[in-house]
Amino acid sequence: MPIRIAAAQDKVIRFSMPQDFTKVYTFVTAEYSQGQRDYLTLVNLQGGINGHQIVADVSDHGNDLPRAIEAYERAKSEGAVLIDPLSTPVARALVPRALEDKINLITAFSGRSDAADGTAFPYVLPLSPNYWTQAALLIDFFRQKDGDLNGKKICYVHIDTPFGKEPLPILQKLAEQQGFELVTFPYTPPGNDQSAIWPQVRRARPDWVMFWGAGVGQTTALTEAIRNGLDMSRLSSSVWISESDMEVVGAEQCTGVLKVEPCVSGREPELIQEILKEVVEPDKGAGPEDKVGTAYYNYGVMLAAIMVEGVRKAFEKDPDGPISGEWLNAGLRSISDFTAEGLIPATTITPEDHQGGGQGRIAHWDGAKFVPDTDFFSANQDVVWEEVRKYSEEFKKTGK
C-alpha cells in the first residue's frame, strides 16, 4: 500500500489511517479504505483545500493493540491531526492518548457510544450513528411495521465482545418502555461457529431478530439463519452487512434481510459519480472498480467527506492556522447541515454532539442490491442520550 511521503515544503494536512486489513475486518476495511482514499484523491485532484493537499497514511494494525499504539505514536510524531483506526478495541485503547495529545480520534461505527458527548470526549468523534442509535432505529422500525411491540419477542444474537454488548443497555431500556421481551444469544468471537445458537433462536419463535457482529461473524449468522428457516424479512443487522457478505452467503438466499444505512448506497449519489469520472476512469482509484458504490466503500467516502468538511471549516475559522489537532477540532465541531452532495443525511457536529444528529435509514436486500424502506430518520434519541450522559459522566469522574 503506497504511502505518499510529503516533502517538508509541501502544504499538507496529514491524516493517519492505521486499520485492520488482515485479521478480523479484512474486506470491510479494504472497501472502506478504498472509498476514503478515492475521495481524498478527488479532493487533491481538484486542488486540495485552501491550497493544501490531504495526505492519507494508510497502514495495517491487524486489530492488534501494540501495533495500533505504535502506529498512533508514529502518526503523532509525523504531525497527523487526525487518526481513524476503524476498530472498537483499538479506538477504546487510544481514547486517553488522543485526549491528552489533542489528536482527533475518529470512531466511525466503532469505539464507545458515549463518545457522542463532546463535553466528555472533545477529541473523540464518531461522526456517525453510534451503536445505541442504530439499535434504537431498528426497534423503531420494528414498531412502525407491527404498530406496537407490546408482547412481542425480539432475539438479539451478538458477538461476545464490548462491541457486541454495546447495544444491550438501550435494548433493555426500550424493552421496559415498549413491553417487548428481549432474549439475548452471545457467541464466542470471531463467530465462525454459531451452529448451537441459531436452532435456539428458531425455537424461541421470535417476532424479530437482530444480529450484531463483523466480518466472518456476519456471514456465519446469515448462513445459520437461512439454514434454520428464519424469515429474512424479520432479520436485521447494524451497519455491518454489505454486498460482499451477500456474495459469500448467496445473494438470492439473503433476499429480505434488513440493515441500518448511514448513507446512500450504490453509484447514484453525485459524489460517487464524480469519483467514477475523475478518479476511477483515469485509473487513479485505490482498488477494484467493482467495489465502487458498495456499502462499505460509500461509508469510507462518507467519513472522508466529513473529515474534509472539518478541514474546510477549520480554514474558515482560522485561515492562518497553525494546522494542528486543535485547529482541526474547531472545524470538525462546527460542521452544520452537511450532506456530502446528498450522500448522507444533513449532519451537524457541535461541541456537545459528536454523533451528528443520529439519523439513519433501514434498507433491505432485494437479491441484488440494498433498497431503502424508509427515509433518513432518528428515533429514541431521548433514551440514547440518557445512556450517553450516564456513561460519559462516569468517564469524566473516573477516566473509564
Foldseek 3Di string as FASTA:
>chain_A
DDFDDDDPPAQEAEEEEAEACDAQFNVLCVLLVLLQVLLLVLCVVVQHALNYRYGYHYHYQNLPQVSLVVSVVVCVVVFHQEYEHQEAVNLQVCQVVCQVALRAYAAAQHHALLVQFLVLRVRYFNQAFYPLQQVQQVVVVLCVVVVAQAAFEEEEEAEPDCQRCRNVVSVVVVCVVRHYHYHYHYDYPPQLDPLVPLLVVLVVVGQAYEYEHHHNNVLNVLLNCLVSPHDQLRYEYELHDKPVSCVVNPLQSNFNHKYKAQWDAAQPQPSLVSSCVPAPVVPNGDDDPVSRRMRSSLNSNVVSVLQSQLVNQLCVVPVPDPDHNVSSSVSSQQQFQDCSRPGGGGFHHHSGGSHGQSWIFMWTRRSRHTDTPDDIDTGPVVSSVVVSCVVSVVCSVPVD
